[in-house]
Protein backbone atom coordinates (compact mmCIF):
# COMPACT_ATOMS: atom_id res chain seq x y z
CA UNK A 1 29.87 -15.60 58.74
CA UNK A 2 29.66 -19.67 58.00
CA UNK A 3 28.53 -20.37 61.06
CA UNK A 4 25.71 -17.88 60.87
CA UNK A 5 24.46 -19.81 57.72
CA UNK A 6 25.22 -23.17 59.41
CA UNK A 7 22.74 -22.29 62.35
CA UNK A 8 20.08 -20.63 59.87
CA UNK A 9 20.12 -23.98 57.91
CA UNK A 10 19.97 -25.93 60.94
CA UNK A 11 16.90 -23.67 62.21
CA UNK A 12 15.10 -24.00 58.85
CA UNK A 13 15.78 -28.18 58.94
CA UNK A 14 14.19 -28.33 62.37
CA UNK A 15 11.21 -26.08 61.28
CA UNK A 16 10.66 -28.46 58.21
CA UNK A 17 10.76 -31.55 60.22
CA UNK A 18 8.46 -30.26 62.68
CA UNK A 19 6.00 -29.17 60.35
CA UNK A 20 5.55 -32.74 58.74
CA UNK A 21 5.30 -34.16 62.36
CA UNK A 22 2.37 -32.14 63.06
CA UNK A 23 0.72 -32.93 59.66
CA UNK A 24 1.11 -36.53 60.73
CA UNK A 25 -0.61 -36.15 63.84
CA UNK A 26 -3.48 -34.59 62.33
CA UNK A 27 -4.09 -37.63 60.02
CA UNK A 28 -3.66 -39.85 63.21
CA UNK A 29 -6.40 -37.49 65.28
CA UNK A 30 -8.87 -38.07 62.45
CA UNK A 31 -8.90 -41.89 62.04
CA UNK A 32 -8.28 -45.08 63.79
CA UNK A 33 -7.24 -48.47 63.09
CA UNK A 34 -8.61 -51.84 63.81
CA UNK A 35 -7.62 -55.45 63.28
CA UNK A 36 -10.34 -58.41 63.15
CA UNK A 37 -10.88 -61.77 62.02
CA UNK A 38 -13.72 -63.51 60.03
CA UNK A 39 -15.47 -66.30 62.01
CA UNK A 40 -15.61 -69.98 60.72
CA UNK A 41 -18.49 -71.58 58.91
CA UNK A 42 -19.61 -68.11 57.08
CA UNK A 43 -20.87 -67.43 60.65
CA UNK A 44 -20.68 -63.41 60.22
CA UNK A 45 -23.07 -61.07 58.76
CA UNK A 46 -21.05 -60.35 55.85
CA UNK A 47 -19.21 -63.85 55.21
CA UNK A 48 -21.54 -64.74 52.02
CA UNK A 49 -20.81 -61.18 50.72
CA UNK A 50 -16.87 -61.62 51.15
CA UNK A 51 -16.03 -64.93 50.56
CA UNK A 52 -12.77 -66.58 51.56
CA UNK A 53 -12.39 -68.10 48.43
CA UNK A 54 -12.06 -64.57 46.58
CA UNK A 55 -8.62 -63.02 45.95
CA UNK A 56 -7.07 -60.86 48.74
CA UNK A 57 -7.78 -57.77 46.52
CA UNK A 58 -11.35 -58.62 46.10
CA UNK A 59 -11.76 -59.31 49.48
CA UNK A 60 -10.40 -55.89 50.49
CA UNK A 61 -12.71 -53.91 47.96
CA UNK A 62 -15.78 -55.92 49.42
CA UNK A 63 -14.84 -55.44 52.98
CA UNK A 64 -14.66 -51.79 52.23
CA UNK A 65 -18.06 -51.56 50.44
CA UNK A 66 -19.37 -53.63 53.52
CA UNK A 67 -18.46 -51.13 56.14
CA UNK A 68 -19.37 -48.25 53.86
CA UNK A 69 -22.90 -49.69 53.61
CA UNK A 70 -22.89 -49.63 57.69
CA UNK A 71 -22.28 -45.68 57.12
CA UNK A 72 -18.57 -46.49 58.48
CA UNK A 73 -16.33 -43.85 56.31
CA UNK A 74 -13.09 -46.50 55.39
CA UNK A 75 -10.07 -45.01 54.43
CA UNK A 76 -7.92 -48.42 54.07
CA UNK A 77 -8.44 -51.93 54.19
CA UNK A 78 -5.62 -54.76 54.13
CA UNK A 79 -5.66 -58.34 54.67
CA UNK A 80 -2.59 -60.28 56.34
CA UNK A 81 -3.27 -64.07 54.62
CA UNK A 82 -2.33 -67.23 56.86
CA UNK A 83 -2.18 -64.66 60.11
CA UNK A 84 -3.55 -67.76 62.47
CA UNK A 85 -1.23 -70.42 61.19
CA UNK A 86 -3.43 -72.87 63.57
CA UNK A 87 -7.22 -72.39 64.50
CA UNK A 88 -9.60 -73.97 66.56
CA UNK A 89 -12.42 -75.66 64.57
CA UNK A 90 -15.71 -74.24 66.09
CA UNK A 91 -18.38 -72.08 63.94
CA UNK A 92 -18.75 -68.79 65.46
CA UNK A 93 -15.98 -68.76 68.06
CA UNK A 94 -12.72 -69.68 66.02
CA UNK A 95 -11.43 -67.52 63.29
CA UNK A 96 -10.38 -68.06 59.83
CA UNK A 97 -6.58 -67.76 59.01
CA UNK A 98 -6.54 -64.49 57.52
CA UNK A 99 -6.72 -61.05 59.62
CA UNK A 100 -8.52 -57.78 58.32
CA UNK A 101 -7.00 -54.27 59.18
CA UNK A 102 -9.03 -51.32 58.54
CA UNK A 103 -8.42 -47.55 58.93
CA UNK A 104 -11.67 -45.56 59.69
CA UNK A 105 -12.76 -42.08 60.47
CA UNK A 106 -12.37 -41.76 64.09
CA UNK A 107 -15.97 -40.63 64.40
CA UNK A 108 -17.04 -44.07 63.25
CA UNK A 109 -15.32 -45.82 66.04
CA UNK A 110 -18.49 -46.63 68.01
CA UNK A 111 -20.52 -47.77 64.99
CA UNK A 112 -17.40 -50.14 64.16
CA UNK A 113 -17.16 -51.66 67.56
CA UNK A 114 -21.13 -52.08 67.16
CA UNK A 115 -20.49 -54.54 64.42
CA UNK A 116 -19.11 -56.99 67.07
CA UNK A 117 -16.46 -58.34 65.04
CA UNK A 118 -14.38 -61.29 66.22
CA UNK A 119 -11.20 -60.37 67.68
CA UNK A 120 -11.73 -56.79 67.02
CA UNK A 121 -8.94 -54.46 68.74
CA UNK A 122 -7.67 -51.15 68.03
CA UNK A 123 -4.23 -51.26 66.88
CA UNK A 124 -1.37 -48.70 65.68
CA UNK A 125 -2.13 -47.47 61.95
CA UNK A 126 1.64 -46.90 61.47
CA UNK A 127 2.05 -50.50 61.96
CA UNK A 128 -0.29 -51.45 59.15
CA UNK A 129 -0.74 -48.47 56.46
């Protein structure tokens, strides 16, 4: 009788874990994440709206608003300060030291890529959000 309950408990636990994994898969299928940099010399279209002198939190909020103004549904924005320890010094080509990460709706992926952001690359959302 005890073995019967043990197997029943194990079966229930595995079903719960399996269910949770599928819920996370649905979230990952609906969104995609990118990393990108800001160009030096305020070269990006959005640079004046999101100055590097603003706080990290202000820049995250402003980046989310900027992307939404481009009809991109943004779920999360994150910044890693001083991501680039050393950078070159050339306007429009070289990055500022910080790196942005965004989680957007998968259906907005093409619109995001059309922004032609510096060093934009798709990344695993689980690594940043």
